[in-house]
Amino acid sequence: MRSTAIADMRPVLLTTLLALAGSIQGAQAAPQNLPVPGGVAVVPLNAPKGQAPKARLGDAPVAVIQERGRWLALVGIPLDTPAGELPLTVESGGNTGFVPISVRDKTYPVQRLTVRNPRHVNPNPDDEVRIARETSVLTQAKRHFSAAAPQTDFQLPAQGRLSSRFGLRRFFNGEPRNPHNGLDVAVGTGTPIHAPAAGTVLNTGNYFFTGNTVFLDHGQGLITAYMHLSRIDVREGDRIAQGQQLGAAGATGRVTGPHLHWAVFLNGTAVEPEAFLAPKR
């Protein structure tokens, strides 16, 4: 039914093609096209000259960037999205239509971890009050949307072994918990953490699960976060250049040891950080 409704929409708003994985060649700014749960769909858009189209997934605005004369929508696909068709709403020239995104299935591996502090697995009532308060703040940061055009050619924020990949289905002390929503870099306490791209410090704080944390706003709903830090070197509102130090790695919050947890959010959903890194040759 959904496919028929999309095909029958009149007028035809845009000649829009969903890029297949790897079809965007020579791209410098755009992330890799990964139309899977937890991935990023890179959707080329045709729009009238000089008019930037707008896009949204459900109620969430979606990043639209211009690269080499093309408009591209960068769509974060939630981890719980089933394989199938996902409708992207696109507005241009006063018209609105839907573009289908074909989401491929992906199964992530299981990871089992032992956490020393049992309250980080089963919080007590006081912890639950704190977690609820902090969840509201963190959710707001993840869903923040600003008009600035983002820099999307990222650098790894810390040099080290990639110890836990995005999307792992996690068990803490034998109990199932939410999937891993970031990329862990195995570095020691005190290791400098650098901004992967230019942005503005959106939020800093010490939180129950993530410890000392920094959020960067890169624009258009592209948000990054740096968690479990031993030290924070920036303040909310600071304008940050690519490569600038944000703080130092540590073991604060729910951890099994010192490391950097790096998270990337698009249109309010956690996505694969490695999609924004240049592929290794």
C-alpha atoms as a PDB file:
ATOM      1  CA  MET A   1       0.000   0.000   0.000  1.00  0.00           C
ATOM      2  CA  ARG A   2       2.767   2.434   0.889  1.00  0.00           C
ATOM      3  CA  SER A   3       4.631   1.810  -2.388  1.00  0.00           C
ATOM      4  CA  THR A   4       1.465   2.484  -4.395  1.00  0.00           C
ATOM      5  CA  ALA A   5       0.759   5.702  -2.521  1.00  0.00           C
ATOM      6  CA  ILE A   6       4.261   6.965  -3.166  1.00  0.00           C
ATOM      7  CA  ALA A   7       4.165   6.045  -6.838  1.00  0.00           C
ATOM      8  CA  ASP A   8       0.779   7.723  -7.307  1.00  0.00           C
ATOM      9  CA  MET A   9       1.653  11.055  -5.662  1.00  0.00           C
ATOM     10  CA  ARG A  10       1.026  14.043  -7.955  1.00  0.00           C
ATOM     11  CA  PRO A  11       2.624  16.280  -8.928  1.00  0.00           C
ATOM     12  CA  VAL A  12       5.951  14.537  -9.169  1.00  0.00           C
ATOM     13  CA  LEU A  13       8.048  16.732  -6.956  1.00  0.00           C
ATOM     14  CA  LEU A  14      11.599  15.827  -7.742  1.00  0.00           C
ATOM     15  CA  THR A  15      13.551  13.484  -9.936  1.00  0.00           C
ATOM     16  CA  THR A  16      15.261  11.807  -7.013  1.00  0.00           C
ATOM     17  CA  LEU A  17      17.371   8.710  -6.977  1.00  0.00           C
ATOM     18  CA  LEU A  18      18.538   6.837  -3.944  1.00  0.00           C
ATOM     19  CA  ALA A  19      22.229   6.158  -4.402  1.00  0.00           C
ATOM     20  CA  LEU A  20      23.196   2.505  -4.131  1.00  0.00           C
ATOM     21  CA  ALA A  21      26.044   1.611  -1.781  1.00  0.00           C
ATOM     22  CA  GLY A  22      29.278   2.848  -3.275  1.00  0.00           C
ATOM     23  CA  SER A  23      27.607   4.652  -6.142  1.00  0.00           C
ATOM     24  CA  ILE A  24      28.731   8.093  -5.054  1.00  0.00           C
ATOM     25  CA  GLN A  25      32.253   8.151  -6.424  1.00  0.00           C
ATOM     26  CA  GLY A  26      34.856  10.774  -5.706  1.00  0.00           C
ATOM     27  CA  ALA A  27      32.853  12.268  -2.851  1.00  0.00           C
ATOM     28  CA  GLN A  28      34.950  14.280  -0.409  1.00  0.00           C
ATOM     29  CA  ALA A  29      32.370  15.590   2.027  1.00  0.00           C
ATOM     30  CA  ALA A  30      29.516  13.107   2.009  1.00  0.00           C
ATOM     31  CA  PRO A  31      29.619  10.074   4.299  1.00  0.00           C
ATOM     32  CA  GLN A  32      29.475   6.553   2.921  1.00  0.00           C
ATOM     33  CA  ASN A  33      26.059   5.454   1.728  1.00  0.00           C
ATOM     34  CA  LEU A  34      24.947   2.700   4.153  1.00  0.00           C
ATOM     35  CA  PRO A  35      21.153   2.210   3.887  1.00  0.00           C
ATOM     36  CA  VAL A  36      20.936  -0.308   6.758  1.00  0.00           C
ATOM     37  CA  PRO A  37      19.598  -0.070  10.328  1.00  0.00           C
ATOM     38  CA  GLY A  38      21.997   2.265  12.135  1.00  0.00           C
ATOM     39  CA  GLY A  39      23.450   3.458   8.829  1.00  0.00           C
ATOM     40  CA  VAL A  40      23.270   6.616   6.740  1.00  0.00           C
ATOM     41  CA  ALA A  41      21.333   6.843   3.486  1.00  0.00           C
ATOM     42  CA  VAL A  42      22.851   9.410   1.130  1.00  0.00           C
ATOM     43  CA  VAL A  43      20.020  10.564  -1.136  1.00  0.00           C
ATOM     44  CA  PRO A  44      20.772  12.823  -4.151  1.00  0.00           C
ATOM     45  CA  LEU A  45      18.067  15.450  -4.725  1.00  0.00           C
ATOM     46  CA  ASN A  46      17.266  17.541  -7.780  1.00  0.00           C
ATOM     47  CA  ALA A  47      15.963  20.998  -6.910  1.00  0.00           C
ATOM     48  CA  PRO A  48      15.450  24.328  -8.696  1.00  0.00           C
ATOM     49  CA  LYS A  49      18.683  26.248  -9.116  1.00  0.00           C
ATOM     50  CA  GLY A  50      19.534  28.311  -6.082  1.00  0.00           C
ATOM     51  CA  GLN A  51      16.839  26.728  -3.904  1.00  0.00           C
ATOM     52  CA  ALA A  52      17.882  24.358  -1.146  1.00  0.00           C
ATOM     53  CA  PRO A  53      15.390  21.505  -0.679  1.00  0.00           C
ATOM     54  CA  LYS A  54      14.279  20.441   2.792  1.00  0.00           C
ATOM     55  CA  ALA A  55      13.787  16.874   3.981  1.00  0.00           C
ATOM     56  CA  ARG A  56      12.493  15.100   7.037  1.00  0.00           C
ATOM     57  CA  LEU A  57      12.061  11.566   8.307  1.00  0.00           C
ATOM     58  CA  GLY A  58       8.781  11.454  10.175  1.00  0.00           C
ATOM     59  CA  ASP A  59       8.797  14.603  12.285  1.00  0.00           C
ATOM     60  CA  ALA A  60      12.602  14.908  12.418  1.00  0.00           C
ATOM     61  CA  PRO A  61      14.351  17.345  10.034  1.00  0.00           C
ATOM     62  CA  VAL A  62      17.079  15.741   7.935  1.00  0.00           C
ATOM     63  CA  ALA A  63      20.478  17.174   6.968  1.00  0.00           C
ATOM     64  CA  VAL A  64      20.680  18.460   3.393  1.00  0.00           C
ATOM     65  CA  ILE A  65      24.128  19.427   2.148  1.00  0.00           C
ATOM     66  CA  GLN A  66      25.492  20.662  -1.154  1.00  0.00           C
ATOM     67  CA  GLU A  67      28.487  18.827  -2.564  1.00  0.00           C
ATOM     68  CA  ARG A  68      30.008  19.502  -5.987  1.00  0.00           C
ATOM     69  CA  GLY A  69      26.839  21.178  -7.180  1.00  0.00           C
ATOM     70  CA  ARG A  70      24.545  18.380  -5.931  1.00  0.00           C
ATOM     71  CA  TRP A  71      22.050  18.453  -3.097  1.00  0.00           C
ATOM     72  CA  LEU A  72      22.328  15.418  -0.831  1.00  0.00           C
ATOM     73  CA  ALA A  73      20.041  14.378   2.002  1.00  0.00           C
ATOM     74  CA  LEU A  74      21.872  12.566   4.813  1.00  0.00           C
ATOM     75  CA  VAL A  75      19.351  10.325   6.525  1.00  0.00           C
ATOM     76  CA  GLY A  76      20.103   8.562   9.799  1.00  0.00           C
ATOM     77  CA  ILE A  77      18.296   5.215   9.876  1.00  0.00           C
ATOM     78  CA  PRO A  78      17.257   4.054  13.380  1.00  0.00           C
ATOM     79  CA  LEU A  79      18.768   0.765  14.563  1.00  0.00           C
ATOM     80  CA  ASP A  80      15.334  -0.810  15.038  1.00  0.00           C
ATOM     81  CA  THR A  81      14.238  -0.120  11.441  1.00  0.00           C
ATOM     82  CA  PRO A  82      13.174  -3.327   9.629  1.00  0.00           C
ATOM     83  CA  ALA A  83      14.301  -4.031   6.084  1.00  0.00           C
ATOM     84  CA  GLY A  84      11.975  -2.473   3.546  1.00  0.00           C
ATOM     85  CA  GLU A  85      10.901   0.927   2.353  1.00  0.00           C
ATOM     86  CA  LEU A  86      11.347   4.072   4.435  1.00  0.00           C
ATOM     87  CA  PRO A  87       9.572   7.230   3.136  1.00  0.00           C
ATOM     88  CA  LEU A  88      11.602  10.450   3.121  1.00  0.00           C
ATOM     89  CA  THR A  89       9.548  13.635   2.913  1.00  0.00           C
ATOM     90  CA  VAL A  90      11.093  16.240   0.584  1.00  0.00           C
ATOM     91  CA  GLU A  91      10.026  19.869   0.120  1.00  0.00           C
ATOM     92  CA  SER A  92      11.175  22.015  -2.809  1.00  0.00           C
ATOM     93  CA  GLY A  93       9.734  24.915  -4.759  1.00  0.00           C
ATOM     94  CA  GLY A  94       6.585  24.930  -2.654  1.00  0.00           C
ATOM     95  CA  ASN A  95       5.823  21.278  -3.366  1.00  0.00           C
ATOM     96  CA  THR A  96       6.007  18.262  -1.049  1.00  0.00           C
ATOM     97  CA  GLY A  97       6.471  14.616  -1.964  1.00  0.00           C
ATOM     98  CA  PHE A  98       7.895  11.338  -0.702  1.00  0.00           C
ATOM     99  CA  VAL A  99      11.071   9.545  -1.761  1.00  0.00           C
ATOM    100  CA  PRO A 100      11.399   5.850  -0.818  1.00  0.00           C
ATOM    101  CA  ILE A 101      14.611   4.688   0.843  1.00  0.00           C
ATOM    102  CA  SER A 102      15.251   0.971   0.422  1.00  0.00           C
ATOM    103  CA  VAL A 103      16.635  -0.242   3.755  1.00  0.00           C
ATOM    104  CA  ARG A 104      18.669  -3.448   3.643  1.00  0.00           C
ATOM    105  CA  ASP A 105      18.737  -5.890   6.540  1.00  0.00           C
ATOM    106  CA  LYS A 106      21.776  -6.114   8.805  1.00  0.00           C
ATOM    107  CA  THR A 107      22.438  -8.328  11.829  1.00  0.00           C
ATOM    108  CA  TYR A 108      24.933  -7.041  14.379  1.00  0.00           C
ATOM    109  CA  PRO A 109      27.132  -9.333  16.525  1.00  0.00           C
ATOM    110  CA  VAL A 110      26.563  -9.960  20.234  1.00  0.00           C
ATOM    111  CA  GLN A 111      28.941  -8.590  22.869  1.00  0.00           C
ATOM    112  CA  ARG A 112      28.996  -9.713  26.517  1.00  0.00           C
ATOM    113  CA  LEU A 113      30.631  -7.449  29.103  1.00  0.00           C
ATOM    114  CA  THR A 114      31.256  -7.551  32.840  1.00  0.00           C
ATOM    115  CA  VAL A 115      30.636  -4.259  34.666  1.00  0.00           C
ATOM    116  CA  ARG A 116      32.143  -3.950  38.150  1.00  0.00           C
ATOM    117  CA  ASN A 117      29.610  -1.478  39.537  1.00  0.00           C
ATOM    118  CA  PRO A 118      26.283  -3.363  39.770  1.00  0.00           C
ATOM    119  CA  ARG A 119      24.366  -0.063  39.920  1.00  0.00           C
ATOM    120  CA  HIS A 120      25.464   0.615  36.341  1.00  0.00           C
ATOM    121  CA  VAL A 121      23.538  -2.520  35.356  1.00  0.00           C
ATOM    122  CA  ASN A 122      20.622  -2.317  37.811  1.00  0.00           C
ATOM    123  CA  PRO A 123      20.353   1.271  39.117  1.00  0.00           C
ATOM    124  CA  ASN A 124      18.786   1.953  42.510  1.00  0.00           C
ATOM    125  CA  PRO A 125      15.725   4.270  42.883  1.00  0.00           C
ATOM    126  CA  ASP A 126      17.865   7.377  43.407  1.00  0.00           C
ATOM    127  CA  ASP A 127      19.870   6.489  40.313  1.00  0.00           C
ATOM    128  CA  GLU A 128      16.644   6.098  38.342  1.00  0.00           C
ATOM    129  CA  VAL A 129      15.607   9.658  39.231  1.00  0.00           C
ATOM    130  CA  ARG A 130      18.970  10.973  38.071  1.00  0.00           C
ATOM    131  CA  ILE A 131      18.871   8.886  34.879  1.00  0.00           C
ATOM    132  CA  ALA A 132      15.387  10.169  33.984  1.00  0.00           C
ATOM    133  CA  ARG A 133      16.519  13.772  34.476  1.00  0.00           C
ATOM    134  CA  GLU A 134      19.658  13.256  32.424  1.00  0.00           C
ATOM    135  CA  THR A 135      17.870  11.342  29.675  1.00  0.00           C
ATOM    136  CA  SER A 136      15.730  14.401  28.973  1.00  0.00           C
ATOM    137  CA  VAL A 137      18.833  16.593  28.629  1.00  0.00           C
ATOM    138  CA  LEU A 138      20.709  14.092  26.457  1.00  0.00           C
ATOM    139  CA  THR A 139      17.732  13.443  24.195  1.00  0.00           C
ATOM    140  CA  GLN A 140      17.381  17.162  23.590  1.00  0.00           C
ATOM    141  CA  ALA A 141      21.063  17.397  22.639  1.00  0.00           C
ATOM    142  CA  LYS A 142      20.826  14.463  20.232  1.00  0.00           C
ATOM    143  CA  ARG A 143      17.797  16.004  18.483  1.00  0.00           C
ATOM    144  CA  HIS A 144      19.233  19.519  18.198  1.00  0.00           C
ATOM    145  CA  PHE A 145      18.997  21.024  14.696  1.00  0.00           C
ATOM    146  CA  SER A 146      20.741  24.187  13.528  1.00  0.00           C
ATOM    147  CA  ALA A 147      20.877  25.794  10.094  1.00  0.00           C
ATOM    148  CA  ALA A 148      24.653  25.749   9.606  1.00  0.00           C
ATOM    149  CA  ALA A 149      26.043  23.584   6.800  1.00  0.00           C
ATOM    150  CA  PRO A 150      28.036  20.766   8.434  1.00  0.00           C
ATOM    151  CA  GLN A 151      31.550  19.606   7.703  1.00  0.00           C
ATOM    152  CA  THR A 152      31.142  15.866   7.152  1.00  0.00           C
ATOM    153  CA  ASP A 153      34.636  14.663   6.241  1.00  0.00           C
ATOM    154  CA  PHE A 154      35.579  13.487   9.723  1.00  0.00           C
ATOM    155  CA  GLN A 155      38.864  12.504  11.324  1.00  0.00           C
ATOM    156  CA  LEU A 156      39.065   9.855  14.054  1.00  0.00           C
ATOM    157  CA  PRO A 157      38.966  11.753  17.398  1.00  0.00           C
ATOM    158  CA  ALA A 158      41.662   9.567  18.998  1.00  0.00           C
ATOM    159  CA  GLN A 159      44.325   7.284  17.627  1.00  0.00           C
ATOM    160  CA  GLY A 160      43.924   3.778  18.936  1.00  0.00           C
ATOM    161  CA  ARG A 161      42.477   0.344  18.336  1.00  0.00           C
ATOM    162  CA  LEU A 162      38.769   0.275  17.490  1.00  0.00           C
ATOM    163  CA  SER A 163      37.723  -2.018  20.321  1.00  0.00           C
ATOM    164  CA  SER A 164      33.901  -2.100  20.092  1.00  0.00           C
ATOM    165  CA  ARG A 165      32.094  -1.358  16.862  1.00  0.00           C
ATOM    166  CA  PHE A 166      28.738   0.321  16.433  1.00  0.00           C
ATOM    167  CA  GLY A 167      25.519  -1.712  16.730  1.00  0.00           C
ATOM    168  CA  LEU A 168      26.736  -4.577  18.921  1.00  0.00           C
ATOM    169  CA  ARG A 169      23.874  -6.289  20.757  1.00  0.00           C
ATOM    170  CA  ARG A 170      25.051  -5.978  24.332  1.00  0.00           C
ATOM    171  CA  PHE A 171      24.729  -8.002  27.508  1.00  0.00           C
ATOM    172  CA  PHE A 172      26.008  -6.490  30.766  1.00  0.00           C
ATOM    173  CA  ASN A 173      26.651  -9.075  33.486  1.00  0.00           C
ATOM    174  CA  GLY A 174      24.491 -11.475  31.488  1.00  0.00           C
ATOM    175  CA  GLU A 175      21.531  -9.081  31.159  1.00  0.00           C
ATOM    176  CA  PRO A 176      20.436  -7.676  27.760  1.00  0.00           C
ATOM    177  CA  ARG A 177      20.739  -3.917  27.313  1.00  0.00           C
ATOM    178  CA  ASN A 178      20.448  -1.412  24.469  1.00  0.00           C
ATOM    179  CA  PRO A 179      22.697  -1.923  21.421  1.00  0.00           C
ATOM    180  CA  HIS A 180      26.045  -0.144  21.334  1.00  0.00           C
ATOM    181  CA  ASN A 181      25.297   3.273  19.854  1.00  0.00           C
ATOM    182  CA  GLY A 182      28.838   4.416  19.137  1.00  0.00           C
ATOM    183  CA  LEU A 183      32.403   3.453  18.310  1.00  0.00           C
ATOM    184  CA  ASP A 184      34.881   2.659  21.105  1.00  0.00           C
ATOM    185  CA  VAL A 185      38.543   3.568  20.725  1.00  0.00           C
ATOM    186  CA  ALA A 186      40.879   1.765  23.136  1.00  0.00           C
ATOM    187  CA  VAL A 187      43.115   4.500  24.558  1.00  0.00           C
ATOM    188  CA  GLY A 188      44.511   5.111  28.013  1.00  0.00           C
ATOM    189  CA  THR A 189      43.388   7.664  30.563  1.00  0.00           C
ATOM    190  CA  GLY A 190      44.695  11.116  29.626  1.00  0.00           C
ATOM    191  CA  THR A 191      44.886  10.467  25.878  1.00  0.00           C
ATOM    192  CA  PRO A 192      43.925  13.704  24.048  1.00  0.00           C
ATOM    193  CA  ILE A 193      40.532  13.680  22.306  1.00  0.00           C
ATOM    194  CA  HIS A 194      40.197  15.916  19.247  1.00  0.00           C
ATOM    195  CA  ALA A 195      37.212  17.225  17.301  1.00  0.00           C
ATOM    196  CA  PRO A 196      36.712  15.199  14.097  1.00  0.00           C
ATOM    197  CA  ALA A 197      35.258  18.253  12.346  1.00  0.00           C
ATOM    198  CA  ALA A 198      34.408  21.885  13.034  1.00  0.00           C
ATOM    199  CA  GLY A 199      31.440  22.517  15.300  1.00  0.00           C
ATOM    200  CA  THR A 200      30.051  24.281  18.349  1.00  0.00           C
ATOM    201  CA  VAL A 201      30.005  22.819  21.859  1.00  0.00           C
ATOM    202  CA  LEU A 202      26.346  22.053  22.487  1.00  0.00           C
ATOM    203  CA  ASN A 203      26.519  20.447  25.923  1.00  0.00           C
ATOM    204  CA  THR A 204      29.007  19.260  28.518  1.00  0.00           C
ATOM    205  CA  GLY A 205      28.376  17.399  31.750  1.00  0.00           C
ATOM    206  CA  ASN A 206      28.927  14.387  33.944  1.00  0.00           C
ATOM    207  CA  TYR A 207      26.194  11.788  33.425  1.00  0.00           C
ATOM    208  CA  PHE A 208      25.355   8.493  35.136  1.00  0.00           C
ATOM    209  CA  PHE A 209      26.058   6.165  32.211  1.00  0.00           C
ATOM    210  CA  THR A 210      28.338   8.238  29.945  1.00  0.00           C
ATOM    211  CA  GLY A 211      30.468   9.987  32.582  1.00  0.00           C
ATOM    212  CA  ASN A 212      32.186  13.201  31.514  1.00  0.00           C
ATOM    213  CA  THR A 213      30.661  13.958  28.119  1.00  0.00           C
ATOM    214  CA  VAL A 214      30.945  16.579  25.373  1.00  0.00           C
ATOM    215  CA  PHE A 215      28.378  17.115  22.587  1.00  0.00           C
ATOM    216  CA  LEU A 216      29.337  18.981  19.406  1.00  0.00           C
ATOM    217  CA  ASP A 217      26.827  20.531  17.012  1.00  0.00           C
ATOM    218  CA  HIS A 218      28.142  20.361  13.442  1.00  0.00           C
ATOM    219  CA  GLY A 219      24.938  21.739  11.871  1.00  0.00           C
ATOM    220  CA  GLN A 220      21.825  20.354  10.172  1.00  0.00           C
ATOM    221  CA  GLY A 221      21.178  17.830  12.941  1.00  0.00           C
ATOM    222  CA  LEU A 222      24.644  16.258  12.734  1.00  0.00           C
ATOM    223  CA  ILE A 223      25.715  15.865  16.372  1.00  0.00           C
ATOM    224  CA  THR A 224      28.731  14.053  17.823  1.00  0.00           C
ATOM    225  CA  ALA A 225      29.411  13.014  21.425  1.00  0.00           C
ATOM    226  CA  TYR A 226      32.566  12.054  23.345  1.00  0.00           C
ATOM    227  CA  MET A 227      31.976  10.005  26.477  1.00  0.00           C
ATOM    228  CA  HIS A 228      33.772   8.603  29.556  1.00  0.00           C
ATOM    229  CA  LEU A 229      36.311  11.459  29.519  1.00  0.00           C
ATOM    230  CA  SER A 230      38.691  12.004  32.403  1.00  0.00           C
ATOM    231  CA  ARG A 231      38.747  15.738  31.691  1.00  0.00           C
ATOM    232  CA  ILE A 232      36.715  18.259  29.661  1.00  0.00           C
ATOM    233  CA  ASP A 233      38.654  21.173  28.141  1.00  0.00           C
ATOM    234  CA  VAL A 234      35.826  23.089  26.445  1.00  0.00           C
ATOM    235  CA  ARG A 235      32.687  24.950  27.473  1.00  0.00           C
ATOM    236  CA  GLU A 236      29.189  25.154  26.062  1.00  0.00           C
ATOM    237  CA  GLY A 237      29.057  27.665  23.205  1.00  0.00           C
ATOM    238  CA  ASP A 238      32.734  27.348  22.253  1.00  0.00           C
ATOM    239  CA  ARG A 239      33.374  27.327  18.519  1.00  0.00           C
ATOM    240  CA  ILE A 240      35.657  24.367  17.772  1.00  0.00           C
ATOM    241  CA  ALA A 241      37.976  23.831  14.799  1.00  0.00           C
ATOM    242  CA  GLN A 242      38.675  20.425  13.285  1.00  0.00           C
ATOM    243  CA  GLY A 243      41.453  18.796  15.296  1.00  0.00           C
ATOM    244  CA  GLN A 244      41.020  21.008  18.372  1.00  0.00           C
ATOM    245  CA  GLN A 245      41.344  19.207  21.703  1.00  0.00           C
ATOM    246  CA  LEU A 246      38.062  18.623  23.545  1.00  0.00           C
ATOM    247  CA  GLY A 247      39.399  16.822  26.602  1.00  0.00           C
ATOM    248  CA  ALA A 248      41.108  13.600  27.581  1.00  0.00           C
ATOM    249  CA  ALA A 249      40.023   9.961  27.567  1.00  0.00           C
ATOM    250  CA  GLY A 250      39.125   8.266  30.820  1.00  0.00           C
ATOM    251  CA  ALA A 251      36.920   5.709  32.556  1.00  0.00           C
ATOM    252  CA  THR A 252      34.019   7.720  33.963  1.00  0.00           C
ATOM    253  CA  GLY A 253      30.449   6.419  33.854  1.00  0.00           C
ATOM    254  CA  ARG A 254      29.571   2.824  32.909  1.00  0.00           C
ATOM    255  CA  VAL A 255      32.810   1.327  31.615  1.00  0.00           C
ATOM    256  CA  THR A 256      34.935  -1.789  31.789  1.00  0.00           C
ATOM    257  CA  GLY A 257      38.122   0.254  31.431  1.00  0.00           C
ATOM    258  CA  PRO A 258      39.496   3.516  29.997  1.00  0.00           C
ATOM    259  CA  HIS A 259      38.495   4.288  26.411  1.00  0.00           C
ATOM    260  CA  LEU A 260      36.717   6.830  24.222  1.00  0.00           C
ATOM    261  CA  HIS A 261      33.105   6.185  23.271  1.00  0.00           C
ATOM    262  CA  TRP A 262      32.424   8.283  20.162  1.00  0.00           C
ATOM    263  CA  ALA A 263      28.814   8.634  19.029  1.00  0.00           C
ATOM    264  CA  VAL A 264      27.356  10.276  15.912  1.00  0.00           C
ATOM    265  CA  PHE A 265      23.703  11.329  15.593  1.00  0.00           C
ATOM    266  CA  LEU A 266      21.699  12.330  12.512  1.00  0.00           C
ATOM    267  CA  ASN A 267      18.066  13.474  12.679  1.00  0.00           C
ATOM    268  CA  GLY A 268      18.080  12.432  16.350  1.00  0.00           C
ATOM    269  CA  THR A 269      19.209   8.840  15.805  1.00  0.00           C
ATOM    270  CA  ALA A 270      22.555   7.165  16.501  1.00  0.00           C
ATOM    271  CA  VAL A 271      24.376   6.127  13.325  1.00  0.00           C
ATOM    272  CA  GLU A 272      27.567   4.332  12.327  1.00  0.00           C
ATOM    273  CA  PRO A 273      30.497   6.729  13.039  1.00  0.00           C
ATOM    274  CA  GLU A 274      32.775   4.919  10.578  1.00  0.00           C
ATOM    275  CA  ALA A 275      30.487   6.043   7.739  1.00  0.00           C
ATOM    276  CA  PHE A 276      32.001   9.519   8.197  1.00  0.00           C
ATOM    277  CA  LEU A 277      35.618   8.358   8.046  1.00  0.00           C
ATOM    278  CA  ALA A 278      37.549   7.968   4.801  1.00  0.00           C
ATOM    279  CA  PRO A 279      37.675   4.268   3.852  1.00  0.00           C
ATOM    280  CA  LYS A 280      41.031   2.610   4.457  1.00  0.00           C
ATOM    281  CA  ARG A 281      42.901   1.803   1.266  1.00  0.00           C
END
